[in-house]
């Protein structure tokens, strides 16, 4: 089978032939239709400090995918050959305290698909049957490949109640854009997105944001100004920090109402100086978000997409390019450009 392969610890990937993986009795074999390119994949391709520490090479990377089940292990239940599926990329141990308590997203021994085990940049992959999510309704392959990052957005957006609340989203990359669409769907009053890319700010308003705010200069001041423009009087009720930018969280803290709640998905590259005195005296809540809740987030996003044509259209519009696998280098370059939506690779084209 064709696969993008990292043969050893170092920069670069190669397109090569690899053996089709053989599923164990508790795994399924999936023919991959589409694979999304994530920031994690860019780190692995570049082989930066994070990749050198976290990734096990040799490796087939990739963890955002849609595909068709072609073989089912004898011990797998509720998955059938021919099912259209996506997959939860965090493979958990099942025996740590959190796993046994049903909090599998907090497993202390998580192995990542495409990070510590071969992933989805290939024509076939294997995955434990318990990690497979079957789409019981019609889902476009490109949208199916978004379920992993959409899960991040939904997990973040639903961390706190949103009905009637004013929401600030810092970082309008693909996951931030999805979070804006979910916040609008879930009943927020005002939704404001911030970024440094005019194109992504335009996309934010297409996702349902009332305004997109350019924060290349003074981000905190720009957000204060937009509050006045919208007629807000008491600051934002809920914040989604999606960027990891060192200025984003401090600017968000400056613009939260007393008792505000912040869900933080963006991963900073280093320490961030925050006015913790304001966090205390304004009684702010800051909650870290990682991955998806297994599998309540998957249930929520499937249900929302199944019941809202508007949300489906907005999420589908996140895909800005779909490249055949032979053009994977162009696909990675487009994803690294960081000025548009989601880039997807099509494994069905020869």
C-alpha atoms as a PDB file:
ATOM      1  CA  UNK A   1       0.000   0.000   0.000  1.00  0.00           C
ATOM      2  CA  UNK A   2       1.037   3.634  -0.465  1.00  0.00           C
ATOM      3  CA  UNK A   3       1.973   5.395   2.736  1.00  0.00           C
ATOM      4  CA  UNK A   4       3.738   8.507   3.950  1.00  0.00           C
ATOM      5  CA  UNK A   5       6.621   7.123   5.966  1.00  0.00           C
ATOM      6  CA  UNK A   6       9.095   8.601   8.411  1.00  0.00           C
ATOM      7  CA  UNK A   7      11.884   6.002   8.325  1.00  0.00           C
ATOM      8  CA  UNK A   8      13.924   7.449  11.178  1.00  0.00           C
ATOM      9  CA  UNK A   9      14.227  10.336  13.626  1.00  0.00           C
ATOM     10  CA  UNK A  10      14.766  13.402  11.454  1.00  0.00           C
ATOM     11  CA  UNK A  11      13.084  15.906   9.135  1.00  0.00           C
ATOM     12  CA  UNK A  12      11.018  14.856   6.148  1.00  0.00           C
ATOM     13  CA  UNK A  13       8.607  12.170   4.968  1.00  0.00           C
ATOM     14  CA  UNK A  14       8.689   9.850   1.967  1.00  0.00           C
ATOM     15  CA  UNK A  15       5.895   8.304  -0.086  1.00  0.00           C
ATOM     16  CA  UNK A  16       6.646   4.610  -0.280  1.00  0.00           C
ATOM     17  CA  UNK A  17       5.128   1.124  -0.334  1.00  0.00           C
ATOM     18  CA  UNK A  18       4.416  -0.439   3.058  1.00  0.00           C
ATOM     19  CA  UNK A  19       2.782  -3.740   3.977  1.00  0.00           C
ATOM     20  CA  UNK A  20      -0.953  -3.616   4.579  1.00  0.00           C
ATOM     21  CA  UNK A  21      -1.330  -3.855   8.386  1.00  0.00           C
ATOM     22  CA  UNK A  22      -2.958  -6.970   9.828  1.00  0.00           C
ATOM     23  CA  UNK A  23      -5.621  -6.375  12.499  1.00  0.00           C
ATOM     24  CA  UNK A  24      -5.578  -8.275  15.778  1.00  0.00           C
ATOM     25  CA  UNK A  25      -8.760  -9.870  17.108  1.00  0.00           C
ATOM     26  CA  UNK A  26      -9.811  -6.612  18.803  1.00  0.00           C
ATOM     27  CA  UNK A  27      -8.944  -4.319  15.852  1.00  0.00           C
ATOM     28  CA  UNK A  28     -10.461  -3.344  12.519  1.00  0.00           C
ATOM     29  CA  UNK A  29      -8.783  -2.732   9.186  1.00  0.00           C
ATOM     30  CA  UNK A  30      -9.885   0.493   7.509  1.00  0.00           C
ATOM     31  CA  UNK A  31      -9.412   1.564   3.901  1.00  0.00           C
ATOM     32  CA  UNK A  32      -8.591   5.242   4.242  1.00  0.00           C
ATOM     33  CA  UNK A  33     -10.597   7.646   2.091  1.00  0.00           C
ATOM     34  CA  UNK A  34      -9.427  11.044   3.358  1.00  0.00           C
ATOM     35  CA  UNK A  35      -6.814  12.245   5.852  1.00  0.00           C
ATOM     36  CA  UNK A  36      -6.690  15.718   7.372  1.00  0.00           C
ATOM     37  CA  UNK A  37      -3.362  17.458   7.967  1.00  0.00           C
ATOM     38  CA  UNK A  38      -2.980  18.629  11.558  1.00  0.00           C
ATOM     39  CA  UNK A  39      -0.420  20.883  13.188  1.00  0.00           C
ATOM     40  CA  UNK A  40       0.920  17.748  14.858  1.00  0.00           C
ATOM     41  CA  UNK A  41       1.701  16.294  11.424  1.00  0.00           C
ATOM     42  CA  UNK A  42       3.611  19.444  10.489  1.00  0.00           C
ATOM     43  CA  UNK A  43       5.686  19.106  13.664  1.00  0.00           C
ATOM     44  CA  UNK A  44       6.427  15.478  12.775  1.00  0.00           C
ATOM     45  CA  UNK A  45       7.381  16.337   9.187  1.00  0.00           C
ATOM     46  CA  UNK A  46       9.711  19.121  10.376  1.00  0.00           C
ATOM     47  CA  UNK A  47      10.994  17.007  13.292  1.00  0.00           C
ATOM     48  CA  UNK A  48      11.149  19.847  15.815  1.00  0.00           C
ATOM     49  CA  UNK A  49      11.931  19.533  19.525  1.00  0.00           C
ATOM     50  CA  UNK A  50       8.404  18.398  20.367  1.00  0.00           C
ATOM     51  CA  UNK A  51       8.478  15.650  17.730  1.00  0.00           C
ATOM     52  CA  UNK A  52      11.912  14.465  18.800  1.00  0.00           C
ATOM     53  CA  UNK A  53      10.617  13.989  22.328  1.00  0.00           C
ATOM     54  CA  UNK A  54       7.109  12.657  21.658  1.00  0.00           C
ATOM     55  CA  UNK A  55       7.217  10.637  18.439  1.00  0.00           C
ATOM     56  CA  UNK A  56       8.293   7.039  17.967  1.00  0.00           C
ATOM     57  CA  UNK A  57       9.989   6.550  14.573  1.00  0.00           C
ATOM     58  CA  UNK A  58       9.857   4.740  12.175  1.00  0.00           C
ATOM     59  CA  UNK A  59       6.233   5.728  11.742  1.00  0.00           C
ATOM     60  CA  UNK A  60       3.299   6.378   9.429  1.00  0.00           C
ATOM     61  CA  UNK A  61       1.887   9.668  10.824  1.00  0.00           C
ATOM     62  CA  UNK A  62      -1.667  11.003  10.521  1.00  0.00           C
ATOM     63  CA  UNK A  63      -4.624  10.764  12.892  1.00  0.00           C
ATOM     64  CA  UNK A  64      -7.528  12.642  11.267  1.00  0.00           C
ATOM     65  CA  UNK A  65      -9.290  10.335   8.822  1.00  0.00           C
ATOM     66  CA  UNK A  66     -12.411   8.884   7.328  1.00  0.00           C
ATOM     67  CA  UNK A  67     -12.531   5.455   5.811  1.00  0.00           C
ATOM     68  CA  UNK A  68     -14.394   2.248   5.077  1.00  0.00           C
ATOM     69  CA  UNK A  69     -14.096  -0.872   7.227  1.00  0.00           C
ATOM     70  CA  UNK A  70     -12.768  -3.824   5.202  1.00  0.00           C
ATOM     71  CA  UNK A  71     -11.986  -6.345   7.972  1.00  0.00           C
ATOM     72  CA  UNK A  72     -13.223  -6.811  11.529  1.00  0.00           C
ATOM     73  CA  UNK A  73     -11.417  -8.747  14.274  1.00  0.00           C
ATOM     74  CA  UNK A  74     -13.254 -11.622  15.942  1.00  0.00           C
ATOM     75  CA  UNK A  75     -13.582  -9.788  19.280  1.00  0.00           C
ATOM     76  CA  UNK A  76     -14.904  -6.512  17.824  1.00  0.00           C
ATOM     77  CA  UNK A  77     -18.555  -5.628  18.373  1.00  0.00           C
ATOM     78  CA  UNK A  78     -20.878  -3.098  16.706  1.00  0.00           C
ATOM     79  CA  UNK A  79     -18.594  -2.490  13.700  1.00  0.00           C
ATOM     80  CA  UNK A  80     -19.235  -4.140  10.335  1.00  0.00           C
ATOM     81  CA  UNK A  81     -17.455  -4.450   7.019  1.00  0.00           C
ATOM     82  CA  UNK A  82     -18.602  -1.591   4.789  1.00  0.00           C
ATOM     83  CA  UNK A  83     -19.205   0.893   7.608  1.00  0.00           C
ATOM     84  CA  UNK A  84     -18.091   4.482   6.978  1.00  0.00           C
ATOM     85  CA  UNK A  85     -16.023   5.420  10.016  1.00  0.00           C
ATOM     86  CA  UNK A  86     -13.759   7.936  11.677  1.00  0.00           C
ATOM     87  CA  UNK A  87     -11.600   7.144  14.675  1.00  0.00           C
ATOM     88  CA  UNK A  88     -10.630   8.357  18.115  1.00  0.00           C
ATOM     89  CA  UNK A  89      -6.863   8.721  17.835  1.00  0.00           C
ATOM     90  CA  UNK A  90      -6.100   8.348  21.545  1.00  0.00           C
ATOM     91  CA  UNK A  91      -5.611   4.653  22.288  1.00  0.00           C
ATOM     92  CA  UNK A  92      -5.938   4.166  26.034  1.00  0.00           C
ATOM     93  CA  UNK A  93      -4.694   1.492  28.432  1.00  0.00           C
ATOM     94  CA  UNK A  94      -8.037   0.572  30.003  1.00  0.00           C
ATOM     95  CA  UNK A  95      -6.552  -0.165  33.437  1.00  0.00           C
ATOM     96  CA  UNK A  96      -5.353   3.124  34.972  1.00  0.00           C
ATOM     97  CA  UNK A  97      -7.573   4.856  37.542  1.00  0.00           C
ATOM     98  CA  UNK A  98      -9.111   7.233  35.008  1.00  0.00           C
ATOM     99  CA  UNK A  99      -9.835   4.524  32.452  1.00  0.00           C
ATOM    100  CA  UNK A 100     -11.501   2.330  35.068  1.00  0.00           C
ATOM    101  CA  UNK A 101     -13.599   5.305  36.198  1.00  0.00           C
ATOM    102  CA  UNK A 102     -14.831   5.927  32.646  1.00  0.00           C
ATOM    103  CA  UNK A 103     -12.607   8.978  32.114  1.00  0.00           C
ATOM    104  CA  UNK A 104     -10.669   7.498  29.235  1.00  0.00           C
ATOM    105  CA  UNK A 105      -9.714  10.911  27.834  1.00  0.00           C
ATOM    106  CA  UNK A 106      -7.532  11.295  30.952  1.00  0.00           C
ATOM    107  CA  UNK A 107      -5.661   7.997  30.557  1.00  0.00           C
ATOM    108  CA  UNK A 108      -2.095   8.332  31.840  1.00  0.00           C
ATOM    109  CA  UNK A 109      -0.751   5.831  29.264  1.00  0.00           C
ATOM    110  CA  UNK A 110      -2.373   7.153  26.083  1.00  0.00           C
ATOM    111  CA  UNK A 111      -0.787   6.151  22.784  1.00  0.00           C
ATOM    112  CA  UNK A 112      -1.476   8.448  19.846  1.00  0.00           C
ATOM    113  CA  UNK A 113      -2.478   7.231  16.398  1.00  0.00           C
ATOM    114  CA  UNK A 114       0.146   8.567  14.006  1.00  0.00           C
ATOM    115  CA  UNK A 115       2.374   9.558  16.915  1.00  0.00           C
ATOM    116  CA  UNK A 116       3.277   6.380  18.825  1.00  0.00           C
ATOM    117  CA  UNK A 117       1.619   3.893  16.438  1.00  0.00           C
ATOM    118  CA  UNK A 118       1.182   3.866  12.654  1.00  0.00           C
ATOM    119  CA  UNK A 119      -1.527   6.229  11.508  1.00  0.00           C
ATOM    120  CA  UNK A 120      -3.711   7.424   8.670  1.00  0.00           C
ATOM    121  CA  UNK A 121      -1.378   8.809   5.976  1.00  0.00           C
ATOM    122  CA  UNK A 122      -1.740   5.489   4.173  1.00  0.00           C
ATOM    123  CA  UNK A 123      -4.229   3.527   2.129  1.00  0.00           C
ATOM    124  CA  UNK A 124      -5.000   1.271   5.114  1.00  0.00           C
ATOM    125  CA  UNK A 125      -4.751   1.474   8.883  1.00  0.00           C
ATOM    126  CA  UNK A 126      -5.665  -0.635  11.892  1.00  0.00           C
ATOM    127  CA  UNK A 127      -7.384   0.694  14.990  1.00  0.00           C
ATOM    128  CA  UNK A 128      -8.920  -0.929  18.089  1.00  0.00           C
ATOM    129  CA  UNK A 129     -12.612  -1.538  17.549  1.00  0.00           C
ATOM    130  CA  UNK A 130     -13.352   0.485  20.694  1.00  0.00           C
ATOM    131  CA  UNK A 131     -11.785   3.540  19.008  1.00  0.00           C
ATOM    132  CA  UNK A 132     -13.858   3.316  15.845  1.00  0.00           C
ATOM    133  CA  UNK A 133     -16.746   5.760  15.372  1.00  0.00           C
ATOM    134  CA  UNK A 134     -19.356   4.519  12.910  1.00  0.00           C
ATOM    135  CA  UNK A 135     -21.265   7.148  10.921  1.00  0.00           C
ATOM    136  CA  UNK A 136     -24.863   5.940  10.875  1.00  0.00           C
ATOM    137  CA  UNK A 137     -26.021   8.728   8.572  1.00  0.00           C
ATOM    138  CA  UNK A 138     -24.616  10.167   5.349  1.00  0.00           C
ATOM    139  CA  UNK A 139     -21.339  12.013   5.955  1.00  0.00           C
ATOM    140  CA  UNK A 140     -19.080  13.361   3.219  1.00  0.00           C
ATOM    141  CA  UNK A 141     -15.592  11.763   3.429  1.00  0.00           C
ATOM    142  CA  UNK A 142     -14.009  15.218   3.847  1.00  0.00           C
ATOM    143  CA  UNK A 143     -16.281  15.990   6.814  1.00  0.00           C
ATOM    144  CA  UNK A 144     -15.641  12.546   8.282  1.00  0.00           C
ATOM    145  CA  UNK A 145     -11.923  13.344   8.227  1.00  0.00           C
ATOM    146  CA  UNK A 146     -12.664  16.438  10.357  1.00  0.00           C
ATOM    147  CA  UNK A 147     -14.228  14.566  13.268  1.00  0.00           C
ATOM    148  CA  UNK A 148     -11.005  14.498  15.312  1.00  0.00           C
ATOM    149  CA  UNK A 149     -10.413  18.288  15.189  1.00  0.00           C
ATOM    150  CA  UNK A 150     -14.167  18.955  15.297  1.00  0.00           C
ATOM    151  CA  UNK A 151     -14.158  16.967  18.529  1.00  0.00           C
ATOM    152  CA  UNK A 152     -11.521  19.290  19.942  1.00  0.00           C
ATOM    153  CA  UNK A 153     -13.721  22.260  19.035  1.00  0.00           C
ATOM    154  CA  UNK A 154     -16.872  20.710  20.489  1.00  0.00           C
ATOM    155  CA  UNK A 155     -15.089  19.623  23.683  1.00  0.00           C
ATOM    156  CA  UNK A 156     -13.852  23.197  24.136  1.00  0.00           C
ATOM    157  CA  UNK A 157     -17.099  24.910  23.166  1.00  0.00           C
ATOM    158  CA  UNK A 158     -19.292  22.762  25.403  1.00  0.00           C
ATOM    159  CA  UNK A 159     -17.010  22.985  28.444  1.00  0.00           C
ATOM    160  CA  UNK A 160     -19.340  25.667  29.854  1.00  0.00           C
ATOM    161  CA  UNK A 161     -23.001  26.638  29.227  1.00  0.00           C
ATOM    162  CA  UNK A 162     -23.335  28.965  26.239  1.00  0.00           C
ATOM    163  CA  UNK A 163     -27.011  29.892  25.891  1.00  0.00           C
ATOM    164  CA  UNK A 164     -27.285  33.696  25.992  1.00  0.00           C
ATOM    165  CA  UNK A 165     -23.587  34.119  26.809  1.00  0.00           C
ATOM    166  CA  UNK A 166     -21.016  36.385  25.148  1.00  0.00           C
ATOM    167  CA  UNK A 167     -18.113  34.331  23.787  1.00  0.00           C
ATOM    168  CA  UNK A 168     -14.566  35.350  22.877  1.00  0.00           C
ATOM    169  CA  UNK A 169     -12.535  32.972  20.678  1.00  0.00           C
ATOM    170  CA  UNK A 170      -8.814  33.738  20.413  1.00  0.00           C
ATOM    171  CA  UNK A 171      -7.298  31.991  17.398  1.00  0.00           C
ATOM    172  CA  UNK A 172      -9.268  31.345  14.194  1.00  0.00           C
ATOM    173  CA  UNK A 173      -7.389  28.368  12.845  1.00  0.00           C
ATOM    174  CA  UNK A 174      -9.578  25.454  11.708  1.00  0.00           C
ATOM    175  CA  UNK A 175     -10.429  24.327  15.253  1.00  0.00           C
ATOM    176  CA  UNK A 176     -11.140  27.875  16.399  1.00  0.00           C
ATOM    177  CA  UNK A 177     -13.398  28.361  13.372  1.00  0.00           C
ATOM    178  CA  UNK A 178     -15.282  25.187  14.212  1.00  0.00           C
ATOM    179  CA  UNK A 179     -15.660  26.333  17.819  1.00  0.00           C
ATOM    180  CA  UNK A 180     -17.215  29.586  16.593  1.00  0.00           C
ATOM    181  CA  UNK A 181     -19.755  27.628  14.537  1.00  0.00           C
ATOM    182  CA  UNK A 182     -20.581  25.399  17.515  1.00  0.00           C
ATOM    183  CA  UNK A 183     -20.958  28.377  19.872  1.00  0.00           C
ATOM    184  CA  UNK A 184     -23.374  29.998  17.449  1.00  0.00           C
ATOM    185  CA  UNK A 185     -25.288  26.723  17.075  1.00  0.00           C
ATOM    186  CA  UNK A 186     -25.437  26.276  20.870  1.00  0.00           C
ATOM    187  CA  UNK A 187     -27.139  29.628  21.468  1.00  0.00           C
ATOM    188  CA  UNK A 188     -24.455  32.168  22.359  1.00  0.00           C
ATOM    189  CA  UNK A 189     -25.503  35.826  22.154  1.00  0.00           C
ATOM    190  CA  UNK A 190     -22.371  37.510  20.780  1.00  0.00           C
ATOM    191  CA  UNK A 191     -19.429  35.527  19.363  1.00  0.00           C
ATOM    192  CA  UNK A 192     -16.174  37.353  18.613  1.00  0.00           C
ATOM    193  CA  UNK A 193     -13.111  35.769  16.999  1.00  0.00           C
ATOM    194  CA  UNK A 194      -9.580  37.162  17.053  1.00  0.00           C
ATOM    195  CA  UNK A 195      -6.615  36.392  14.808  1.00  0.00           C
ATOM    196  CA  UNK A 196      -3.767  38.029  12.886  1.00  0.00           C
ATOM    197  CA  UNK A 197      -4.883  36.694   9.478  1.00  0.00           C
ATOM    198  CA  UNK A 198      -7.449  38.771   7.551  1.00  0.00           C
ATOM    199  CA  UNK A 199      -8.503  35.669   5.603  1.00  0.00           C
ATOM    200  CA  UNK A 200      -9.197  33.702   8.762  1.00  0.00           C
ATOM    201  CA  UNK A 201     -11.090  36.629  10.275  1.00  0.00           C
ATOM    202  CA  UNK A 202     -13.267  36.656   7.158  1.00  0.00           C
ATOM    203  CA  UNK A 203     -13.832  32.919   7.602  1.00  0.00           C
ATOM    204  CA  UNK A 204     -14.725  33.485  11.275  1.00  0.00           C
ATOM    205  CA  UNK A 205     -17.591  35.739  10.289  1.00  0.00           C
ATOM    206  CA  UNK A 206     -18.690  33.100   7.787  1.00  0.00           C
ATOM    207  CA  UNK A 207     -18.782  30.605  10.659  1.00  0.00           C
ATOM    208  CA  UNK A 208     -21.229  32.815  12.544  1.00  0.00           C
ATOM    209  CA  UNK A 209     -19.006  35.238  14.462  1.00  0.00           C
ATOM    210  CA  UNK A 210     -20.535  38.675  14.931  1.00  0.00           C
ATOM    211  CA  UNK A 211     -17.100  40.219  14.367  1.00  0.00           C
ATOM    212  CA  UNK A 212     -13.561  39.142  13.570  1.00  0.00           C
ATOM    213  CA  UNK A 213     -10.924  41.252  15.324  1.00  0.00           C
ATOM    214  CA  UNK A 214      -7.375  41.824  14.077  1.00  0.00           C
ATOM    215  CA  UNK A 215      -5.050  41.644  17.098  1.00  0.00           C
ATOM    216  CA  UNK A 216      -1.701  42.262  15.404  1.00  0.00           C
ATOM    217  CA  UNK A 217      -1.197  45.445  17.440  1.00  0.00           C
ATOM    218  CA  UNK A 218      -2.740  45.716  20.930  1.00  0.00           C
ATOM    219  CA  UNK A 219      -4.994  42.687  21.269  1.00  0.00           C
ATOM    220  CA  UNK A 220      -6.505  43.566  24.637  1.00  0.00           C
ATOM    221  CA  UNK A 221      -7.395  47.088  23.469  1.00  0.00           C
ATOM    222  CA  UNK A 222      -8.849  45.783  20.194  1.00  0.00           C
ATOM    223  CA  UNK A 223     -11.123  43.393  22.077  1.00  0.00           C
ATOM    224  CA  UNK A 224     -12.225  46.146  24.477  1.00  0.00           C
ATOM    225  CA  UNK A 225     -13.114  48.304  21.479  1.00  0.00           C
ATOM    226  CA  UNK A 226     -15.251  45.582  19.934  1.00  0.00           C
ATOM    227  CA  UNK A 227     -17.172  45.212  23.201  1.00  0.00           C
ATOM    228  CA  UNK A 228     -18.161  48.863  22.910  1.00  0.00           C
ATOM    229  CA  UNK A 229     -19.090  48.389  19.266  1.00  0.00           C
ATOM    230  CA  UNK A 230     -21.419  45.514  20.166  1.00  0.00           C
ATOM    231  CA  UNK A 231     -22.966  47.352  23.111  1.00  0.00           C
ATOM    232  CA  UNK A 232     -21.540  44.964  25.698  1.00  0.00           C
ATOM    233  CA  UNK A 233     -21.243  46.368  29.210  1.00  0.00           C
ATOM    234  CA  UNK A 234     -19.644  43.742  31.446  1.00  0.00           C
ATOM    235  CA  UNK A 235     -17.045  41.745  29.508  1.00  0.00           C
ATOM    236  CA  UNK A 236     -17.161  38.292  27.954  1.00  0.00           C
ATOM    237  CA  UNK A 237     -18.790  35.434  29.858  1.00  0.00           C
ATOM    238  CA  UNK A 238     -16.953  32.558  28.164  1.00  0.00           C
ATOM    239  CA  UNK A 239     -13.574  32.420  26.416  1.00  0.00           C
ATOM    240  CA  UNK A 240     -12.062  29.778  24.145  1.00  0.00           C
ATOM    241  CA  UNK A 241      -8.276  30.162  23.912  1.00  0.00           C
ATOM    242  CA  UNK A 242      -7.412  28.234  20.744  1.00  0.00           C
ATOM    243  CA  UNK A 243      -4.128  29.796  19.607  1.00  0.00           C
ATOM    244  CA  UNK A 244      -1.404  29.161  22.178  1.00  0.00           C
ATOM    245  CA  UNK A 245      -0.075  32.645  21.335  1.00  0.00           C
ATOM    246  CA  UNK A 246       1.691  34.245  24.321  1.00  0.00           C
ATOM    247  CA  UNK A 247      -0.459  37.393  24.133  1.00  0.00           C
ATOM    248  CA  UNK A 248      -3.831  35.655  23.742  1.00  0.00           C
ATOM    249  CA  UNK A 249      -4.570  34.431  27.260  1.00  0.00           C
ATOM    250  CA  UNK A 250      -3.518  37.719  28.965  1.00  0.00           C
ATOM    251  CA  UNK A 251      -5.725  39.689  26.538  1.00  0.00           C
ATOM    252  CA  UNK A 252      -8.602  37.321  27.221  1.00  0.00           C
ATOM    253  CA  UNK A 253      -8.239  37.665  30.997  1.00  0.00           C
ATOM    254  CA  UNK A 254      -8.347  41.450  30.594  1.00  0.00           C
ATOM    255  CA  UNK A 255     -11.686  41.210  28.772  1.00  0.00           C
ATOM    256  CA  UNK A 256     -13.609  38.686  30.880  1.00  0.00           C
ATOM    257  CA  UNK A 257     -16.584  39.513  33.060  1.00  0.00           C
ATOM    258  CA  UNK A 258     -16.341  38.735  36.782  1.00  0.00           C
ATOM    259  CA  UNK A 259     -17.035  35.037  37.137  1.00  0.00           C
ATOM    260  CA  UNK A 260     -16.018  34.416  33.528  1.00  0.00           C
ATOM    261  CA  UNK A 261     -14.979  30.956  32.363  1.00  0.00           C
ATOM    262  CA  UNK A 262     -12.088  30.168  30.024  1.00  0.00           C
ATOM    263  CA  UNK A 263     -11.600  26.875  28.162  1.00  0.00           C
ATOM    264  CA  UNK A 264      -7.971  26.634  27.014  1.00  0.00           C
ATOM    265  CA  UNK A 265      -7.124  24.331  24.098  1.00  0.00           C
ATOM    266  CA  UNK A 266      -4.187  26.210  22.537  1.00  0.00           C
ATOM    267  CA  UNK A 267      -0.785  24.828  23.513  1.00  0.00           C
ATOM    268  CA  UNK A 268       1.733  27.570  24.399  1.00  0.00           C
ATOM    269  CA  UNK A 269       5.313  27.053  23.272  1.00  0.00           C
ATOM    270  CA  UNK A 270       6.584  28.463  26.576  1.00  0.00           C
ATOM    271  CA  UNK A 271       5.486  30.076  29.854  1.00  0.00           C
ATOM    272  CA  UNK A 272       2.874  32.858  29.641  1.00  0.00           C
ATOM    273  CA  UNK A 273       2.715  35.840  31.988  1.00  0.00           C
ATOM    274  CA  UNK A 274      -0.881  36.136  33.223  1.00  0.00           C
ATOM    275  CA  UNK A 275      -2.351  38.589  35.738  1.00  0.00           C
ATOM    276  CA  UNK A 276      -3.228  35.898  38.253  1.00  0.00           C
ATOM    277  CA  UNK A 277      -4.386  38.586  40.681  1.00  0.00           C
ATOM    278  CA  UNK A 278      -7.191  39.355  38.246  1.00  0.00           C
ATOM    279  CA  UNK A 279      -7.963  35.658  37.855  1.00  0.00           C
ATOM    280  CA  UNK A 280      -8.442  35.484  41.640  1.00  0.00           C
ATOM    281  CA  UNK A 281     -10.242  38.769  42.281  1.00  0.00           C
ATOM    282  CA  UNK A 282     -12.503  38.399  39.245  1.00  0.00           C
ATOM    283  CA  UNK A 283     -13.170  34.767  40.193  1.00  0.00           C
ATOM    284  CA  UNK A 284     -12.280  33.451  36.745  1.00  0.00           C
ATOM    285  CA  UNK A 285     -12.242  29.757  35.924  1.00  0.00           C
ATOM    286  CA  UNK A 286      -9.525  28.435  33.572  1.00  0.00           C
ATOM    287  CA  UNK A 287     -10.028  24.870  32.344  1.00  0.00           C
ATOM    288  CA  UNK A 288      -7.510  22.933  30.262  1.00  0.00           C
ATOM    289  CA  UNK A 289      -8.952  21.008  27.306  1.00  0.00           C
ATOM    290  CA  UNK A 290      -7.201  18.145  25.538  1.00  0.00           C
ATOM    291  CA  UNK A 291      -8.637  15.936  22.815  1.00  0.00           C
ATOM    292  CA  UNK A 292     -12.197  14.725  23.114  1.00  0.00           C
ATOM    293  CA  UNK A 293     -14.299  13.224  25.896  1.00  0.00           C
ATOM    294  CA  UNK A 294     -14.692   9.549  25.071  1.00  0.00           C
ATOM    295  CA  UNK A 295     -17.259   9.259  23.721  1.00  0.00           C
ATOM    296  CA  UNK A 296     -19.706  11.950  24.779  1.00  0.00           C
ATOM    297  CA  UNK A 297     -18.009  14.506  22.519  1.00  0.00           C
ATOM    298  CA  UNK A 298     -18.369  12.168  19.542  1.00  0.00           C
ATOM    299  CA  UNK A 299     -22.070  11.692  20.321  1.00  0.00           C
ATOM    300  CA  UNK A 300     -22.597  15.441  20.617  1.00  0.00           C
ATOM    301  CA  UNK A 301     -20.889  16.347  17.359  1.00  0.00           C
ATOM    302  CA  UNK A 302     -22.620  13.587  15.405  1.00  0.00           C
ATOM    303  CA  UNK A 303     -25.993  14.692  16.758  1.00  0.00           C
ATOM    304  CA  UNK A 304     -25.388  18.364  16.026  1.00  0.00           C
ATOM    305  CA  UNK A 305     -24.313  17.674  12.452  1.00  0.00           C
ATOM    306  CA  UNK A 306     -27.268  15.338  11.905  1.00  0.00           C
ATOM    307  CA  UNK A 307     -29.813  17.917  13.070  1.00  0.00           C
ATOM    308  CA  UNK A 308     -28.447  21.194  11.645  1.00  0.00           C
ATOM    309  CA  UNK A 309     -27.943  21.758   7.926  1.00  0.00           C
ATOM    310  CA  UNK A 310     -26.450  25.171   8.719  1.00  0.00           C
ATOM    311  CA  UNK A 311     -23.815  23.697  11.036  1.00  0.00           C
ATOM    312  CA  UNK A 312     -23.008  20.925   8.533  1.00  0.00           C
ATOM    313  CA  UNK A 313     -22.468  23.497   5.802  1.00  0.00           C
ATOM    314  CA  UNK A 314     -20.263  25.656   8.004  1.00  0.00           C
ATOM    315  CA  UNK A 315     -18.114  22.730   9.142  1.00  0.00           C
ATOM    316  CA  UNK A 316     -17.805  21.438   5.578  1.00  0.00           C
ATOM    317  CA  UNK A 317     -16.661  24.849   4.380  1.00  0.00           C
ATOM    318  CA  UNK A 318     -13.615  24.579   6.666  1.00  0.00           C
ATOM    319  CA  UNK A 319     -12.009  22.318   4.023  1.00  0.00           C
ATOM    320  CA  UNK A 320     -10.136  24.746   1.796  1.00  0.00           C
ATOM    321  CA  UNK A 321      -8.209  22.199  -0.299  1.00  0.00           C
ATOM    322  CA  UNK A 322      -8.275  18.471  -1.047  1.00  0.00           C
ATOM    323  CA  UNK A 323      -5.117  17.086  -2.697  1.00  0.00           C
ATOM    324  CA  UNK A 324      -4.585  13.608  -4.158  1.00  0.00           C
ATOM    325  CA  UNK A 325      -2.053  11.594  -2.162  1.00  0.00           C
ATOM    326  CA  UNK A 326       0.528  11.893  -4.934  1.00  0.00           C
ATOM    327  CA  UNK A 327       0.573  15.667  -4.280  1.00  0.00           C
ATOM    328  CA  UNK A 328       1.152  15.307  -0.544  1.00  0.00           C
ATOM    329  CA  UNK A 329       4.031  17.811  -0.561  1.00  0.00           C
ATOM    330  CA  UNK A 330       1.758  20.539  -1.953  1.00  0.00           C
ATOM    331  CA  UNK A 331      -0.848  19.597   0.643  1.00  0.00           C
ATOM    332  CA  UNK A 332       1.655  19.942   3.496  1.00  0.00           C
ATOM    333  CA  UNK A 333       2.851  23.278   2.108  1.00  0.00           C
ATOM    334  CA  UNK A 334      -0.725  24.563   1.972  1.00  0.00           C
ATOM    335  CA  UNK A 335      -1.362  23.433   5.543  1.00  0.00           C
ATOM    336  CA  UNK A 336       1.849  25.078   6.743  1.00  0.00           C
ATOM    337  CA  UNK A 337       0.790  28.362   5.145  1.00  0.00           C
ATOM    338  CA  UNK A 338      -1.645  28.780   8.084  1.00  0.00           C
ATOM    339  CA  UNK A 339      -3.793  31.327   6.259  1.00  0.00           C
ATOM    340  CA  UNK A 340      -6.815  29.289   5.300  1.00  0.00           C
ATOM    341  CA  UNK A 341      -8.963  26.346   6.311  1.00  0.00           C
ATOM    342  CA  UNK A 342      -8.353  22.634   6.594  1.00  0.00           C
ATOM    343  CA  UNK A 343      -6.245  20.753   4.034  1.00  0.00           C
ATOM    344  CA  UNK A 344      -7.232  17.166   3.275  1.00  0.00           C
ATOM    345  CA  UNK A 345      -5.487  14.341   1.368  1.00  0.00           C
ATOM    346  CA  UNK A 346      -7.524  12.020  -0.884  1.00  0.00           C
ATOM    347  CA  UNK A 347      -6.219   8.425  -0.869  1.00  0.00           C
ATOM    348  CA  UNK A 348      -8.707   7.121  -3.437  1.00  0.00           C
ATOM    349  CA  UNK A 349      -7.114   8.904  -6.411  1.00  0.00           C
ATOM    350  CA  UNK A 350      -4.326   6.998  -8.142  1.00  0.00           C
END
